[in-house]
Amino acid sequence: MLYGLLLSGYLFVCILLVLIILIQKGKSSIGLGSLGGSSQMLFGGGTGQDIFQKITWGLAAIFLVGSLFLALMKSQRGHTLSYDYKPTTTQQEQPTKK
């Protein structure tokens, strides 16, 4: 239950991170952030890009810590991949003496 809730929150952070990165204006002014045609930024002259950068760094930190935490939770639950596959052996019939 807790794992599923944390996983859904993690997916939400991933989607937000992708959207924030796509919105940002690049160094060469290519990107979805410059579709308006004007050079004015969303939140004013010089602070608009800084806000997006801070949000990106925060979401990236949550992404990294969340991935580590979810991996640790999954390994403690015992759902890790096992490479020690041992097929079950069947009893072989003993030859009968005549």
PDB file of N, CA and C in Angstrom:
ATOM      1  N   MET A   1       0.828  -1.187   0.000  1.00  0.00           N
ATOM      2  CA  MET A   1       0.000   0.000   0.000  1.00  0.00           C
ATOM      3  C   MET A   1       0.877   1.257   0.000  1.00  0.00           C
ATOM      4  N   LEU A   2       1.813   1.312   0.942  1.00  0.00           N
ATOM      5  CA  LEU A   2       2.705   2.467   1.031  1.00  0.00           C
ATOM      6  C   LEU A   2       3.609   2.540  -0.193  1.00  0.00           C
ATOM      7  N   TYR A   3       4.065   1.392  -0.640  1.00  0.00           N
ATOM      8  CA  TYR A   3       4.935   1.349  -1.812  1.00  0.00           C
ATOM      9  C   TYR A   3       4.202   1.877  -3.048  1.00  0.00           C
ATOM     10  N   GLY A   4       2.966   1.471  -3.226  1.00  0.00           N
ATOM     11  CA  GLY A   4       2.177   1.939  -4.364  1.00  0.00           C
ATOM     12  C   GLY A   4       1.922   3.439  -4.313  1.00  0.00           C
ATOM     13  N   LEU A   5       1.680   3.958  -3.121  1.00  0.00           N
ATOM     14  CA  LEU A   5       1.454   5.387  -2.959  1.00  0.00           C
ATOM     15  C   LEU A   5       2.726   6.176  -3.280  1.00  0.00           C
ATOM     16  N   LEU A   6       3.863   5.697  -2.774  1.00  0.00           N
ATOM     17  CA  LEU A   6       5.131   6.371  -3.059  1.00  0.00           C
ATOM     18  C   LEU A   6       5.501   6.271  -4.535  1.00  0.00           C
ATOM     19  N   LEU A   7       5.184   5.142  -5.152  1.00  0.00           N
ATOM     20  CA  LEU A   7       5.484   4.964  -6.569  1.00  0.00           C
ATOM     21  C   LEU A   7       4.653   5.905  -7.433  1.00  0.00           C
ATOM     22  N   SER A   8       3.383   6.086  -7.083  1.00  0.00           N
ATOM     23  CA  SER A   8       2.557   7.016  -7.852  1.00  0.00           C
ATOM     24  C   SER A   8       3.034   8.457  -7.666  1.00  0.00           C
ATOM     25  N   GLY A   9       3.468   8.818  -6.476  1.00  0.00           N
ATOM     26  CA  GLY A   9       4.044  10.144  -6.265  1.00  0.00           C
ATOM     27  C   GLY A   9       5.329  10.330  -7.043  1.00  0.00           C
ATOM     28  N   TYR A  10       6.121   9.272  -7.129  1.00  0.00           N
ATOM     29  CA  TYR A  10       7.377   9.311  -7.883  1.00  0.00           C
ATOM     30  C   TYR A  10       7.106   9.518  -9.373  1.00  0.00           C
ATOM     31  N   LEU A  11       6.083   8.840  -9.892  1.00  0.00           N
ATOM     32  CA  LEU A  11       5.729   9.018 -11.300  1.00  0.00           C
ATOM     33  C   LEU A  11       5.241  10.439 -11.568  1.00  0.00           C
ATOM     34  N   PHE A  12       4.514  11.023 -10.618  1.00  0.00           N
ATOM     35  CA  PHE A  12       4.056  12.403 -10.748  1.00  0.00           C
ATOM     36  C   PHE A  12       5.252  13.357 -10.796  1.00  0.00           C
ATOM     37  N   VAL A  13       6.258  13.119  -9.963  1.00  0.00           N
ATOM     38  CA  VAL A  13       7.470  13.948  -9.971  1.00  0.00           C
ATOM     39  C   VAL A  13       8.194  13.796 -11.299  1.00  0.00           C
ATOM     40  N   CYS A  14       8.235  12.593 -11.844  1.00  0.00           N
ATOM     41  CA  CYS A  14       8.893  12.371 -13.137  1.00  0.00           C
ATOM     42  C   CYS A  14       8.219  13.164 -14.249  1.00  0.00           C
ATOM     43  N   ILE A  15       6.893  13.147 -14.266  1.00  0.00           N
ATOM     44  CA  ILE A  15       6.154  13.878 -15.299  1.00  0.00           C
ATOM     45  C   ILE A  15       6.365  15.383 -15.141  1.00  0.00           C
ATOM     46  N   LEU A  16       6.327  15.873 -13.891  1.00  0.00           N
ATOM     47  CA  LEU A  16       6.578  17.297 -13.656  1.00  0.00           C
ATOM     48  C   LEU A  16       7.978  17.705 -14.084  1.00  0.00           C
ATOM     49  N   LEU A  17       8.953  16.853 -13.827  1.00  0.00           N
ATOM     50  CA  LEU A  17      10.333  17.148 -14.197  1.00  0.00           C
ATOM     51  C   LEU A  17      10.475  17.266 -15.713  1.00  0.00           C
ATOM     52  N   VAL A  18       9.848  16.364 -16.439  1.00  0.00           N
ATOM     53  CA  VAL A  18       9.908  16.420 -17.900  1.00  0.00           C
ATOM     54  C   VAL A  18       9.245  17.690 -18.407  1.00  0.00           C
ATOM     55  N   LEU A  19       8.079  18.035 -17.863  1.00  0.00           N
ATOM     56  CA  LEU A  19       7.378  19.235 -18.309  1.00  0.00           C
ATOM     57  C   LEU A  19       8.153  20.512 -18.000  1.00  0.00           C
ATOM     58  N   ILE A  20       8.739  20.596 -16.815  1.00  0.00           N
ATOM     59  CA  ILE A  20       9.518  21.787 -16.453  1.00  0.00           C
ATOM     60  C   ILE A  20      10.742  21.929 -17.350  1.00  0.00           C
ATOM     61  N   ILE A  21      11.371  20.813 -17.688  1.00  0.00           N
ATOM     62  CA  ILE A  21      12.536  20.883 -18.576  1.00  0.00           C
ATOM     63  C   ILE A  21      12.126  21.338 -19.970  1.00  0.00           C
ATOM     64  N   LEU A  22      10.975  20.876 -20.449  1.00  0.00           N
ATOM     65  CA  LEU A  22      10.526  21.285 -21.777  1.00  0.00           C
ATOM     66  C   LEU A  22      10.106  22.749 -21.823  1.00  0.00           C
ATOM     67  N   ILE A  23       9.614  23.293 -20.730  1.00  0.00           N
ATOM     68  CA  ILE A  23       9.169  24.680 -20.691  1.00  0.00           C
ATOM     69  C   ILE A  23      10.346  25.649 -20.690  1.00  0.00           C
ATOM     70  N   GLN A  24      11.465  25.249 -20.143  1.00  0.00           N
ATOM     71  CA  GLN A  24      12.596  26.158 -19.981  1.00  0.00           C
ATOM     72  C   GLN A  24      13.133  26.643 -21.321  1.00  0.00           C
ATOM     73  N   LYS A  25      13.637  27.845 -21.274  1.00  0.00           N
ATOM     74  CA  LYS A  25      14.225  28.445 -22.455  1.00  0.00           C
ATOM     75  C   LYS A  25      15.706  28.106 -22.481  1.00  0.00           C
ATOM     76  N   GLY A  26      16.178  27.581 -23.583  1.00  0.00           N
ATOM     77  CA  GLY A  26      17.578  27.180 -23.699  1.00  0.00           C
ATOM     78  C   GLY A  26      18.505  28.352 -23.931  1.00  0.00           C
ATOM     79  N   LYS A  27      19.798  28.072 -23.977  1.00  0.00           N
ATOM     80  CA  LYS A  27      20.787  29.122 -24.206  1.00  0.00           C
ATOM     81  C   LYS A  27      20.674  29.710 -25.606  1.00  0.00           C
ATOM     82  N   SER A  28      20.274  28.893 -26.563  1.00  0.00           N
ATOM     83  CA  SER A  28      20.149  29.382 -27.934  1.00  0.00           C
ATOM     84  C   SER A  28      18.715  29.789 -28.259  1.00  0.00           C
ATOM     85  N   SER A  29      17.880  29.938 -27.244  1.00  0.00           N
ATOM     86  CA  SER A  29      16.479  30.359 -27.382  1.00  0.00           C
ATOM     87  C   SER A  29      15.652  29.386 -28.207  1.00  0.00           C
ATOM     88  N   ILE A  30      16.005  28.125 -28.177  1.00  0.00           N
ATOM     89  CA  ILE A  30      15.212  27.098 -28.830  1.00  0.00           C
ATOM     90  C   ILE A  30      14.560  26.272 -27.734  1.00  0.00           C
ATOM     91  N   GLY A  31      13.278  26.115 -27.809  1.00  0.00           N
ATOM     92  CA  GLY A  31      12.567  25.355 -26.805  1.00  0.00           C
ATOM     93  C   GLY A  31      11.128  25.814 -26.699  1.00  0.00           C
ATOM     94  N   LEU A  32      10.348  25.128 -25.944  1.00  0.00           N
ATOM     95  CA  LEU A  32       8.946  25.471 -25.817  1.00  0.00           C
ATOM     96  C   LEU A  32       8.737  26.753 -25.037  1.00  0.00           C
ATOM     97  N   GLY A  33       9.726  27.177 -24.269  1.00  0.00           N
ATOM     98  CA  GLY A  33       9.586  28.397 -23.504  1.00  0.00           C
ATOM     99  C   GLY A  33       9.622  29.651 -24.357  1.00  0.00           C
ATOM    100  N   SER A  34      10.066  29.551 -25.591  1.00  0.00           N
ATOM    101  CA  SER A  34      10.176  30.732 -26.449  1.00  0.00           C
ATOM    102  C   SER A  34       9.142  30.721 -27.572  1.00  0.00           C
ATOM    103  N   LEU A  35       8.053  30.031 -27.418  1.00  0.00           N
ATOM    104  CA  LEU A  35       7.037  29.973 -28.464  1.00  0.00           C
ATOM    105  C   LEU A  35       6.211  31.248 -28.552  1.00  0.00           C
ATOM    106  N   GLY A  36       6.223  32.067 -27.533  1.00  0.00           N
ATOM    107  CA  GLY A  36       5.404  33.269 -27.527  1.00  0.00           C
ATOM    108  C   GLY A  36       5.849  34.325 -28.510  1.00  0.00           C
ATOM    109  N   GLY A  37       7.072  34.296 -28.937  1.00  0.00           N
ATOM    110  CA  GLY A  37       7.557  35.257 -29.904  1.00  0.00           C
ATOM    111  C   GLY A  37       8.180  36.479 -29.273  1.00  0.00           C
ATOM    112  N   SER A  38       8.004  36.686 -27.985  1.00  0.00           N
ATOM    113  CA  SER A  38       8.617  37.840 -27.334  1.00  0.00           C
ATOM    114  C   SER A  38       9.784  37.373 -26.490  1.00  0.00           C
ATOM    115  N   SER A  39      10.665  38.301 -26.181  1.00  0.00           N
ATOM    116  CA  SER A  39      11.839  37.935 -25.400  1.00  0.00           C
ATOM    117  C   SER A  39      11.600  38.104 -23.908  1.00  0.00           C
ATOM    118  N   GLN A  40      10.391  38.536 -23.505  1.00  0.00           N
ATOM    119  CA  GLN A  40      10.093  38.722 -22.093  1.00  0.00           C
ATOM    120  C   GLN A  40       9.837  37.361 -21.460  1.00  0.00           C
ATOM    121  N   MET A  41      10.386  37.157 -20.272  1.00  0.00           N
ATOM    122  CA  MET A  41      10.212  35.889 -19.588  1.00  0.00           C
ATOM    123  C   MET A  41       8.912  35.885 -18.813  1.00  0.00           C
ATOM    124  N   LEU A  42       8.517  34.741 -18.362  1.00  0.00           N
ATOM    125  CA  LEU A  42       7.214  34.572 -17.731  1.00  0.00           C
ATOM    126  C   LEU A  42       7.085  35.355 -16.429  1.00  0.00           C
ATOM    127  N   PHE A  43       8.083  35.307 -15.567  1.00  0.00           N
ATOM    128  CA  PHE A  43       7.995  35.953 -14.268  1.00  0.00           C
ATOM    129  C   PHE A  43       8.829  37.225 -14.195  1.00  0.00           C
ATOM    130  N   GLY A  44       9.024  37.893 -15.279  1.00  0.00           N
ATOM    131  CA  GLY A  44       9.794  39.128 -15.251  1.00  0.00           C
ATOM    132  C   GLY A  44      11.087  38.986 -16.035  1.00  0.00           C
ATOM    133  N   GLY A  45      11.896  40.027 -15.964  1.00  0.00           N
ATOM    134  CA  GLY A  45      13.096  40.074 -16.787  1.00  0.00           C
ATOM    135  C   GLY A  45      14.149  39.057 -16.461  1.00  0.00           C
ATOM    136  N   GLY A  46      14.683  39.054 -15.249  1.00  0.00           N
ATOM    137  CA  GLY A  46      15.821  38.194 -14.971  1.00  0.00           C
ATOM    138  C   GLY A  46      15.531  37.050 -14.030  1.00  0.00           C
ATOM    139  N   THR A  47      14.393  37.045 -13.367  1.00  0.00           N
ATOM    140  CA  THR A  47      14.151  36.019 -12.352  1.00  0.00           C
ATOM    141  C   THR A  47      13.325  34.858 -12.864  1.00  0.00           C
ATOM    142  N   GLY A  48      12.751  34.962 -14.036  1.00  0.00           N
ATOM    143  CA  GLY A  48      11.893  33.896 -14.546  1.00  0.00           C
ATOM    144  C   GLY A  48      12.640  32.595 -14.758  1.00  0.00           C
ATOM    145  N   GLN A  49      13.773  32.673 -15.378  1.00  0.00           N
ATOM    146  CA  GLN A  49      14.541  31.465 -15.641  1.00  0.00           C
ATOM    147  C   GLN A  49      15.133  30.902 -14.355  1.00  0.00           C
ATOM    148  N   ASP A  50      15.462  31.748 -13.411  1.00  0.00           N
ATOM    149  CA  ASP A  50      16.002  31.270 -12.150  1.00  0.00           C
ATOM    150  C   ASP A  50      14.976  30.436 -11.386  1.00  0.00           C
ATOM    151  N   ILE A  51      13.720  30.824 -11.437  1.00  0.00           N
ATOM    152  CA  ILE A  51      12.670  30.061 -10.748  1.00  0.00           C
ATOM    153  C   ILE A  51      12.537  28.679 -11.371  1.00  0.00           C
ATOM    154  N   PHE A  52      12.540  28.616 -12.711  1.00  0.00           N
ATOM    155  CA  PHE A  52      12.449  27.315 -13.371  1.00  0.00           C
ATOM    156  C   PHE A  52      13.667  26.452 -13.071  1.00  0.00           C
ATOM    157  N   GLN A  53      14.821  27.073 -12.976  1.00  0.00           N
ATOM    158  CA  GLN A  53      16.024  26.309 -12.664  1.00  0.00           C
ATOM    159  C   GLN A  53      15.974  25.766 -11.239  1.00  0.00           C
ATOM    160  N   LYS A  54      15.470  26.559 -10.302  1.00  0.00           N
ATOM    161  CA  LYS A  54      15.359  26.091  -8.923  1.00  0.00           C
ATOM    162  C   LYS A  54      14.345  24.954  -8.813  1.00  0.00           C
ATOM    163  N   ILE A  55      13.243  25.077  -9.537  1.00  0.00           N
ATOM    164  CA  ILE A  55      12.246  24.006  -9.532  1.00  0.00           C
ATOM    165  C   ILE A  55      12.838  22.737 -10.142  1.00  0.00           C
ATOM    166  N   THR A  56      13.607  22.893 -11.222  1.00  0.00           N
ATOM    167  CA  THR A  56      14.234  21.737 -11.869  1.00  0.00           C
ATOM    168  C   THR A  56      15.217  21.051 -10.936  1.00  0.00           C
ATOM    169  N   TRP A  57      16.047  21.826 -10.241  1.00  0.00           N
ATOM    170  CA  TRP A  57      17.013  21.233  -9.307  1.00  0.00           C
ATOM    171  C   TRP A  57      16.292  20.529  -8.157  1.00  0.00           C
ATOM    172  N   GLY A  58      15.226  21.126  -7.661  1.00  0.00           N
ATOM    173  CA  GLY A  58      14.471  20.501  -6.575  1.00  0.00           C
ATOM    174  C   GLY A  58      13.812  19.199  -7.007  1.00  0.00           C
ATOM    175  N   LEU A  59      13.192  19.218  -8.191  1.00  0.00           N
ATOM    176  CA  LEU A  59      12.561  17.997  -8.695  1.00  0.00           C
ATOM    177  C   LEU A  59      13.601  16.923  -9.021  1.00  0.00           C
ATOM    178  N   ALA A  60      14.759  17.328  -9.509  1.00  0.00           N
ATOM    179  CA  ALA A  60      15.820  16.360  -9.797  1.00  0.00           C
ATOM    180  C   ALA A  60      16.328  15.712  -8.511  1.00  0.00           C
ATOM    181  N   ALA A  61      16.436  16.501  -7.442  1.00  0.00           N
ATOM    182  CA  ALA A  61      16.861  15.937  -6.157  1.00  0.00           C
ATOM    183  C   ALA A  61      15.822  14.961  -5.621  1.00  0.00           C
ATOM    184  N   ILE A  62      14.542  15.320  -5.729  1.00  0.00           N
ATOM    185  CA  ILE A  62      13.471  14.411  -5.300  1.00  0.00           C
ATOM    186  C   ILE A  62      13.487  13.142  -6.143  1.00  0.00           C
ATOM    187  N   PHE A  63      13.753  13.288  -7.449  1.00  0.00           N
ATOM    188  CA  PHE A  63      13.824  12.147  -8.350  1.00  0.00           C
ATOM    189  C   PHE A  63      14.929  11.174  -7.933  1.00  0.00           C
ATOM    190  N   LEU A  64      16.117  11.704  -7.641  1.00  0.00           N
ATOM    191  CA  LEU A  64      17.245  10.839  -7.276  1.00  0.00           C
ATOM    192  C   LEU A  64      17.039  10.165  -5.922  1.00  0.00           C
ATOM    193  N   VAL A  65      16.609  10.934  -4.941  1.00  0.00           N
ATOM    194  CA  VAL A  65      16.379  10.361  -3.609  1.00  0.00           C
ATOM    195  C   VAL A  65      15.216   9.374  -3.651  1.00  0.00           C
ATOM    196  N   GLY A  66      14.190   9.705  -4.409  1.00  0.00           N
ATOM    197  CA  GLY A  66      13.034   8.815  -4.527  1.00  0.00           C
ATOM    198  C   GLY A  66      13.381   7.498  -5.186  1.00  0.00           C
ATOM    199  N   SER A  67      14.215   7.543  -6.221  1.00  0.00           N
ATOM    200  CA  SER A  67      14.598   6.295  -6.882  1.00  0.00           C
ATOM    201  C   SER A  67      15.418   5.407  -5.953  1.00  0.00           C
ATOM    202  N   LEU A  68      16.306   6.008  -5.180  1.00  0.00           N
ATOM    203  CA  LEU A  68      17.091   5.235  -4.223  1.00  0.00           C
ATOM    204  C   LEU A  68      16.197   4.644  -3.138  1.00  0.00           C
ATOM    205  N   PHE A  69      15.288   5.445  -2.621  1.00  0.00           N
ATOM    206  CA  PHE A  69      14.394   4.989  -1.559  1.00  0.00           C
ATOM    207  C   PHE A  69      13.465   3.874  -2.040  1.00  0.00           C
ATOM    208  N   LEU A  70      12.915   4.020  -3.248  1.00  0.00           N
ATOM    209  CA  LEU A  70      12.036   2.978  -3.785  1.00  0.00           C
ATOM    210  C   LEU A  70      12.801   1.685  -4.062  1.00  0.00           C
ATOM    211  N   ALA A  71      14.049   1.800  -4.508  1.00  0.00           N
ATOM    212  CA  ALA A  71      14.864   0.603  -4.737  1.00  0.00           C
ATOM    213  C   ALA A  71      15.157  -0.112  -3.426  1.00  0.00           C
ATOM    214  N   LEU A  72      15.443   0.647  -2.376  1.00  0.00           N
ATOM    215  CA  LEU A  72      15.684   0.026  -1.071  1.00  0.00           C
ATOM    216  C   LEU A  72      14.422  -0.628  -0.525  1.00  0.00           C
ATOM    217  N   MET A  73      13.293   0.016  -0.706  1.00  0.00           N
ATOM    218  CA  MET A  73      12.033  -0.566  -0.240  1.00  0.00           C
ATOM    219  C   MET A  73      11.732  -1.866  -0.986  1.00  0.00           C
ATOM    220  N   LYS A  74      11.962  -1.865  -2.275  1.00  0.00           N
ATOM    221  CA  LYS A  74      11.677  -3.058  -3.085  1.00  0.00           C
ATOM    222  C   LYS A  74      12.603  -4.205  -2.704  1.00  0.00           C
ATOM    223  N   SER A  75      13.865  -3.922  -2.406  1.00  0.00           N
ATOM    224  CA  SER A  75      14.795  -4.991  -2.054  1.00  0.00           C
ATOM    225  C   SER A  75      14.487  -5.550  -0.659  1.00  0.00           C
ATOM    226  N   GLN A  76      13.981  -4.730   0.231  1.00  0.00           N
ATOM    227  CA  GLN A  76      13.635  -5.217   1.568  1.00  0.00           C
ATOM    228  C   GLN A  76      12.365  -6.057   1.547  1.00  0.00           C
ATOM    229  N   ARG A  77      11.519  -5.815   0.566  1.00  0.00           N
ATOM    230  CA  ARG A  77      10.283  -6.600   0.464  1.00  0.00           C
ATOM    231  C   ARG A  77      10.538  -7.977  -0.131  1.00  0.00           C
ATOM    232  N   GLY A  78      11.706  -8.190  -0.685  1.00  0.00           N
ATOM    233  CA  GLY A  78      12.044  -9.501  -1.230  1.00  0.00           C
ATOM    234  C   GLY A  78      11.575  -9.705  -2.650  1.00  0.00           C
ATOM    235  N   HIS A  79      11.323  -8.645  -3.383  1.00  0.00           N
ATOM    236  CA  HIS A  79      10.877  -8.753  -4.759  1.00  0.00           C
ATOM    237  C   HIS A  79      12.005  -8.489  -5.745  1.00  0.00           C
ATOM    238  N   THR A  80      13.208  -8.781  -5.346  1.00  0.00           N
ATOM    239  CA  THR A  80      14.328  -8.541  -6.246  1.00  0.00           C
ATOM    240  C   THR A  80      14.443  -9.691  -7.236  1.00  0.00           C
ATOM    241  N   LEU A  81      15.100  -9.421  -8.327  1.00  0.00           N
ATOM    242  CA  LEU A  81      15.329 -10.464  -9.314  1.00  0.00           C
ATOM    243  C   LEU A  81      16.376 -11.423  -8.783  1.00  0.00           C
ATOM    244  N   SER A  82      16.133 -12.682  -8.954  1.00  0.00           N
ATOM    245  CA  SER A  82      17.063 -13.680  -8.464  1.00  0.00           C
ATOM    246  C   SER A  82      17.671 -14.417  -9.653  1.00  0.00           C
ATOM    247  N   TYR A  83      18.977 -14.493  -9.668  1.00  0.00           N
ATOM    248  CA  TYR A  83      19.666 -15.219 -10.722  1.00  0.00           C
ATOM    249  C   TYR A  83      20.022 -16.636 -10.284  1.00  0.00           C
ATOM    250  N   ASP A  84      19.659 -16.982  -9.080  1.00  0.00           N
ATOM    251  CA  ASP A  84      19.942 -18.319  -8.558  1.00  0.00           C
ATOM    252  C   ASP A  84      18.745 -19.229  -8.779  1.00  0.00           C
ATOM    253  N   TYR A  85      18.389 -19.413 -10.016  1.00  0.00           N
ATOM    254  CA  TYR A  85      17.235 -20.245 -10.344  1.00  0.00           C
ATOM    255  C   TYR A  85      17.630 -21.703 -10.243  1.00  0.00           C
ATOM    256  N   LYS A  86      16.913 -22.433  -9.422  1.00  0.00           N
ATOM    257  CA  LYS A  86      17.169 -23.860  -9.252  1.00  0.00           C
ATOM    258  C   LYS A  86      15.886 -24.603  -9.593  1.00  0.00           C
ATOM    259  N   PRO A  87      15.879 -25.302 -10.712  1.00  0.00           N
ATOM    260  CA  PRO A  87      14.660 -26.024 -11.072  1.00  0.00           C
ATOM    261  C   PRO A  87      14.419 -27.180 -10.095  1.00  0.00           C
ATOM    262  N   THR A  88      13.177 -27.465  -9.892  1.00  0.00           N
ATOM    263  CA  THR A  88      12.838 -28.558  -8.981  1.00  0.00           C
ATOM    264  C   THR A  88      13.196 -29.883  -9.647  1.00  0.00           C
ATOM    265  N   THR A  89      13.739 -30.754  -8.869  1.00  0.00           N
ATOM    266  CA  THR A  89      14.123 -32.059  -9.403  1.00  0.00           C
ATOM    267  C   THR A  89      12.990 -33.046  -9.176  1.00  0.00           C
ATOM    268  N   THR A  90      12.781 -33.883 -10.136  1.00  0.00           N
ATOM    269  CA  THR A  90      11.759 -34.919 -10.011  1.00  0.00           C
ATOM    270  C   THR A  90      12.442 -36.238  -9.665  1.00  0.00           C
ATOM    271  N   GLN A  91      11.723 -37.053  -9.004  1.00  0.00           N
ATOM    272  CA  GLN A  91      12.287 -38.363  -8.646  1.00  0.00           C
ATOM    273  C   GLN A  91      12.387 -39.221  -9.892  1.00  0.00           C
ATOM    274  N   GLN A  92      13.523 -39.828 -10.040  1.00  0.00           N
ATOM    275  CA  GLN A  92      13.707 -40.728 -11.161  1.00  0.00           C
ATOM    276  C   GLN A  92      13.290 -42.130 -10.732  1.00  0.00           C
ATOM    277  N   GLU A  93      12.698 -42.802 -11.667  1.00  0.00           N
ATOM    278  CA  GLU A  93      12.246 -44.173 -11.364  1.00  0.00           C
ATOM    279  C   GLU A  93      13.444 -45.095 -11.246  1.00  0.00           C
ATOM    280  N   GLN A  94      13.413 -45.895 -10.224  1.00  0.00           N
ATOM    281  CA  GLN A  94      14.472 -46.877 -10.033  1.00  0.00           C
ATOM    282  C   GLN A  94      14.203 -48.058 -10.960  1.00  0.00           C
ATOM    283  N   PRO A  95      15.249 -48.518 -11.628  1.00  0.00           N
ATOM    284  CA  PRO A  95      15.052 -49.682 -12.488  1.00  0.00           C
ATOM    285  C   PRO A  95      14.712 -50.916 -11.622  1.00  0.00           C
ATOM    286  N   THR A  96      13.764 -51.661 -12.083  1.00  0.00           N
ATOM    287  CA  THR A  96      13.354 -52.874 -11.332  1.00  0.00           C
ATOM    288  C   THR A  96      14.212 -54.034 -11.769  1.00  0.00           C
ATOM    289  N   LYS A  97      14.569 -54.868 -10.793  1.00  0.00           N
ATOM    290  CA  LYS A  97      15.394 -56.044 -11.084  1.00  0.00           C
ATOM    291  C   LYS A  97      14.481 -57.185 -11.458  1.00  0.00           C
ATOM    292  N   LYS A  98      14.864 -57.926 -12.448  1.00  0.00           N
ATOM    293  CA  LYS A  98      14.072 -59.069 -12.881  1.00  0.00           C
ATOM    294  C   LYS A  98      14.679 -60.353 -12.469  1.00  0.00           C
TER     295      LYS A  98
END
